[in-house]
N, C-alpha and C. Protein backbone atom coordinates (compact mmCIF):
# COMPACT_ATOMS: atom_id res chain seq x y z
N MET A 1 10.07 -0.92 -9.81
CA MET A 1 10.80 -0.15 -8.82
C MET A 1 11.18 -1.07 -7.67
N GLY A 2 12.45 -1.10 -7.30
CA GLY A 2 12.87 -1.85 -6.14
C GLY A 2 12.60 -1.03 -4.88
N ILE A 3 12.36 -1.74 -3.81
CA ILE A 3 12.11 -1.06 -2.54
C ILE A 3 13.45 -0.83 -1.86
N THR A 4 13.83 0.44 -1.72
CA THR A 4 15.10 0.77 -1.09
C THR A 4 14.91 0.96 0.41
N ASP A 5 16.02 0.84 1.13
CA ASP A 5 15.98 1.06 2.57
C ASP A 5 15.54 2.48 2.90
N SER A 6 15.98 3.43 2.08
CA SER A 6 15.60 4.83 2.26
C SER A 6 14.08 5.00 2.14
N PHE A 7 13.51 4.35 1.13
CA PHE A 7 12.06 4.41 0.92
C PHE A 7 11.33 3.80 2.12
N LEU A 8 11.79 2.65 2.58
CA LEU A 8 11.16 1.99 3.72
C LEU A 8 11.25 2.86 4.97
N ASN A 9 12.37 3.52 5.17
CA ASN A 9 12.52 4.41 6.32
C ASN A 9 11.51 5.56 6.26
N LYS A 10 11.34 6.13 5.07
CA LYS A 10 10.37 7.23 4.90
C LYS A 10 8.95 6.75 5.20
N VAL A 11 8.60 5.59 4.67
CA VAL A 11 7.26 5.05 4.90
C VAL A 11 7.06 4.77 6.38
N GLU A 12 8.06 4.18 7.01
CA GLU A 12 7.98 3.86 8.43
C GLU A 12 7.78 5.13 9.27
N ARG A 13 8.53 6.18 8.95
CA ARG A 13 8.39 7.45 9.69
C ARG A 13 7.02 8.07 9.49
N LYS A 14 6.51 8.04 8.27
CA LYS A 14 5.23 8.69 7.96
C LYS A 14 4.02 7.91 8.48
N THR A 15 4.15 6.58 8.57
CA THR A 15 2.99 5.76 8.89
C THR A 15 3.04 5.06 10.24
N ASN A 16 4.22 5.01 10.84
CA ASN A 16 4.45 4.23 12.06
C ASN A 16 4.18 2.74 11.86
N VAL A 17 4.34 2.28 10.63
CA VAL A 17 4.23 0.86 10.30
C VAL A 17 5.66 0.34 10.12
N SER A 18 5.98 -0.77 10.77
CA SER A 18 7.34 -1.29 10.74
C SER A 18 7.75 -1.76 9.34
N LYS A 19 9.06 -1.74 9.12
CA LYS A 19 9.60 -2.22 7.84
C LYS A 19 9.18 -3.66 7.60
N GLU A 20 9.19 -4.45 8.67
CA GLU A 20 8.84 -5.86 8.56
C GLU A 20 7.40 -6.02 8.05
N SER A 21 6.49 -5.21 8.56
CA SER A 21 5.09 -5.28 8.11
C SER A 21 4.98 -4.84 6.66
N ILE A 22 5.70 -3.78 6.30
CA ILE A 22 5.68 -3.28 4.93
C ILE A 22 6.19 -4.36 3.97
N LEU A 23 7.31 -4.99 4.33
CA LEU A 23 7.89 -6.02 3.48
C LEU A 23 6.99 -7.25 3.39
N SER A 24 6.32 -7.58 4.48
CA SER A 24 5.40 -8.71 4.48
C SER A 24 4.24 -8.47 3.51
N ILE A 25 3.68 -7.27 3.56
CA ILE A 25 2.59 -6.93 2.64
C ILE A 25 3.10 -6.92 1.20
N ALA A 26 4.28 -6.35 0.98
CA ALA A 26 4.85 -6.29 -0.38
C ALA A 26 5.10 -7.69 -0.92
N GLU A 27 5.59 -8.58 -0.08
CA GLU A 27 5.85 -9.96 -0.51
C GLU A 27 4.55 -10.66 -0.88
N ARG A 28 3.52 -10.42 -0.09
CA ARG A 28 2.22 -11.02 -0.38
C ARG A 28 1.66 -10.49 -1.71
N LEU A 29 1.83 -9.20 -1.95
CA LEU A 29 1.35 -8.60 -3.19
C LEU A 29 2.15 -9.07 -4.40
N LYS A 30 3.43 -9.31 -4.18
CA LYS A 30 4.30 -9.73 -5.28
C LYS A 30 3.77 -11.02 -5.92
N GLY A 31 3.27 -11.91 -5.10
CA GLY A 31 2.74 -13.16 -5.62
C GLY A 31 1.25 -13.11 -5.90
N GLY A 32 0.62 -12.00 -5.55
CA GLY A 32 -0.82 -11.88 -5.70
C GLY A 32 -1.23 -11.26 -7.01
N ASN A 33 -2.50 -11.14 -7.15
CA ASN A 33 -3.06 -10.57 -8.37
C ASN A 33 -3.55 -9.16 -8.08
N LEU A 34 -2.86 -8.16 -8.60
CA LEU A 34 -3.24 -6.77 -8.35
C LEU A 34 -4.46 -6.34 -9.16
N LYS A 35 -5.01 -7.23 -9.93
CA LYS A 35 -6.25 -6.95 -10.64
C LYS A 35 -7.44 -7.54 -9.89
N ASP A 36 -7.17 -8.21 -8.77
CA ASP A 36 -8.21 -8.85 -7.99
C ASP A 36 -8.69 -7.90 -6.89
N GLU A 37 -9.93 -7.47 -7.00
CA GLU A 37 -10.50 -6.51 -6.06
C GLU A 37 -10.44 -7.01 -4.62
N LYS A 38 -10.69 -8.30 -4.40
CA LYS A 38 -10.67 -8.86 -3.05
C LYS A 38 -9.28 -8.74 -2.42
N THR A 39 -8.24 -9.01 -3.21
CA THR A 39 -6.86 -8.88 -2.72
C THR A 39 -6.55 -7.44 -2.33
N ILE A 40 -6.92 -6.52 -3.19
CA ILE A 40 -6.65 -5.09 -2.94
C ILE A 40 -7.39 -4.63 -1.69
N ARG A 41 -8.66 -5.00 -1.57
CA ARG A 41 -9.43 -4.59 -0.39
C ARG A 41 -8.85 -5.19 0.89
N GLY A 42 -8.34 -6.41 0.81
CA GLY A 42 -7.70 -7.03 1.97
C GLY A 42 -6.48 -6.25 2.43
N VAL A 43 -5.69 -5.80 1.47
CA VAL A 43 -4.49 -5.01 1.79
C VAL A 43 -4.89 -3.66 2.36
N ILE A 44 -5.91 -3.04 1.79
CA ILE A 44 -6.40 -1.76 2.30
C ILE A 44 -6.84 -1.91 3.75
N ASP A 45 -7.59 -2.96 4.04
CA ASP A 45 -8.06 -3.20 5.41
C ASP A 45 -6.90 -3.44 6.36
N GLU A 46 -5.91 -4.21 5.90
CA GLU A 46 -4.74 -4.49 6.74
C GLU A 46 -3.94 -3.22 7.03
N LEU A 47 -3.73 -2.42 6.00
CA LEU A 47 -2.99 -1.17 6.20
C LEU A 47 -3.76 -0.20 7.09
N SER A 48 -5.07 -0.18 6.95
CA SER A 48 -5.90 0.66 7.80
C SER A 48 -5.74 0.26 9.26
N ALA A 49 -5.75 -1.04 9.51
CA ALA A 49 -5.59 -1.53 10.88
C ALA A 49 -4.20 -1.23 11.42
N LEU A 50 -3.17 -1.43 10.59
CA LEU A 50 -1.79 -1.17 11.03
C LEU A 50 -1.54 0.30 11.36
N THR A 51 -2.14 1.18 10.57
CA THR A 51 -1.89 2.61 10.77
C THR A 51 -2.87 3.25 11.74
N GLY A 52 -3.97 2.54 12.03
CA GLY A 52 -4.98 3.11 12.91
C GLY A 52 -5.80 4.20 12.24
N LYS A 53 -5.78 4.21 10.93
CA LYS A 53 -6.53 5.23 10.18
C LYS A 53 -7.65 4.55 9.40
N PRO A 54 -8.88 4.89 9.72
CA PRO A 54 -10.00 4.26 9.01
C PRO A 54 -10.05 4.70 7.55
N VAL A 55 -10.51 3.80 6.71
CA VAL A 55 -10.68 4.07 5.29
C VAL A 55 -12.16 3.88 4.97
N SER A 56 -12.79 4.94 4.47
CA SER A 56 -14.21 4.86 4.16
C SER A 56 -14.43 3.97 2.93
N LYS A 57 -15.65 3.56 2.73
CA LYS A 57 -16.02 2.75 1.56
C LYS A 57 -15.68 3.51 0.28
N GLU A 58 -15.94 4.82 0.27
CA GLU A 58 -15.65 5.62 -0.92
C GLU A 58 -14.15 5.68 -1.19
N GLN A 59 -13.35 5.87 -0.14
CA GLN A 59 -11.89 5.90 -0.31
C GLN A 59 -11.39 4.55 -0.81
N SER A 60 -11.90 3.49 -0.22
CA SER A 60 -11.51 2.15 -0.62
C SER A 60 -11.85 1.91 -2.09
N ASP A 61 -13.04 2.32 -2.49
CA ASP A 61 -13.46 2.16 -3.89
C ASP A 61 -12.52 2.90 -4.84
N ARG A 62 -12.11 4.13 -4.46
CA ARG A 62 -11.20 4.92 -5.31
C ARG A 62 -9.83 4.26 -5.40
N ILE A 63 -9.35 3.72 -4.28
CA ILE A 63 -8.05 3.06 -4.28
C ILE A 63 -8.09 1.82 -5.17
N VAL A 64 -9.13 1.01 -5.00
CA VAL A 64 -9.27 -0.20 -5.81
C VAL A 64 -9.32 0.16 -7.29
N LYS A 65 -10.10 1.15 -7.64
CA LYS A 65 -10.21 1.57 -9.04
C LYS A 65 -8.85 2.02 -9.59
N ALA A 66 -8.09 2.76 -8.78
CA ALA A 66 -6.78 3.24 -9.22
C ALA A 66 -5.80 2.09 -9.42
N VAL A 67 -5.79 1.15 -8.49
CA VAL A 67 -4.85 0.03 -8.59
C VAL A 67 -5.21 -0.88 -9.75
N VAL A 68 -6.47 -1.26 -9.84
CA VAL A 68 -6.92 -2.15 -10.91
C VAL A 68 -6.75 -1.48 -12.28
N GLY A 69 -6.92 -0.17 -12.34
CA GLY A 69 -6.80 0.57 -13.59
C GLY A 69 -5.40 1.06 -13.89
N ASP A 70 -4.40 0.56 -13.13
CA ASP A 70 -2.99 0.94 -13.34
C ASP A 70 -2.79 2.45 -13.30
N GLN A 71 -3.43 3.13 -12.36
CA GLN A 71 -3.31 4.58 -12.23
C GLN A 71 -2.43 4.98 -11.05
N ILE A 72 -1.52 4.11 -10.66
CA ILE A 72 -0.62 4.38 -9.55
C ILE A 72 0.65 5.02 -10.10
N PRO A 73 1.13 6.11 -9.48
CA PRO A 73 2.36 6.76 -9.97
C PRO A 73 3.55 5.79 -9.97
N ASN A 74 4.42 5.95 -10.93
CA ASN A 74 5.62 5.10 -11.02
C ASN A 74 6.61 5.40 -9.91
N ASN A 75 6.70 6.64 -9.48
CA ASN A 75 7.67 7.00 -8.46
C ASN A 75 6.95 7.33 -7.15
N LEU A 76 6.74 6.31 -6.35
CA LEU A 76 6.03 6.49 -5.08
C LEU A 76 6.85 7.28 -4.07
N GLU A 77 8.19 7.29 -4.23
CA GLU A 77 9.02 8.02 -3.28
C GLU A 77 8.69 9.50 -3.28
N ASN A 78 8.33 10.05 -4.43
CA ASN A 78 7.99 11.48 -4.50
C ASN A 78 6.75 11.80 -3.68
N MET A 79 5.89 10.83 -3.47
CA MET A 79 4.68 11.06 -2.69
C MET A 79 4.98 11.23 -1.20
N LEU A 80 6.15 10.80 -0.76
CA LEU A 80 6.49 10.83 0.66
C LEU A 80 7.29 12.06 1.06
N ASP A 81 7.70 12.85 0.11
CA ASP A 81 8.50 14.04 0.44
C ASP A 81 7.65 15.15 1.00
């Protein structure tokens, strides 16, 4: 899925995280290993800090399990409606 401007605008409105920050994280992930737990946890921590929303250990564990297990929905735009 390509990241569209419309998608970035929705994410920015919902999270108050700038497009530039979103694209920076996406670029880092593009070259990273999404099967690496350390990488995923780093992104979770960064997003938590950017949004000002704490993520519990349990939530982080569930996110890591979903990403590593390829359980992420194909159409993320539907999650923002």
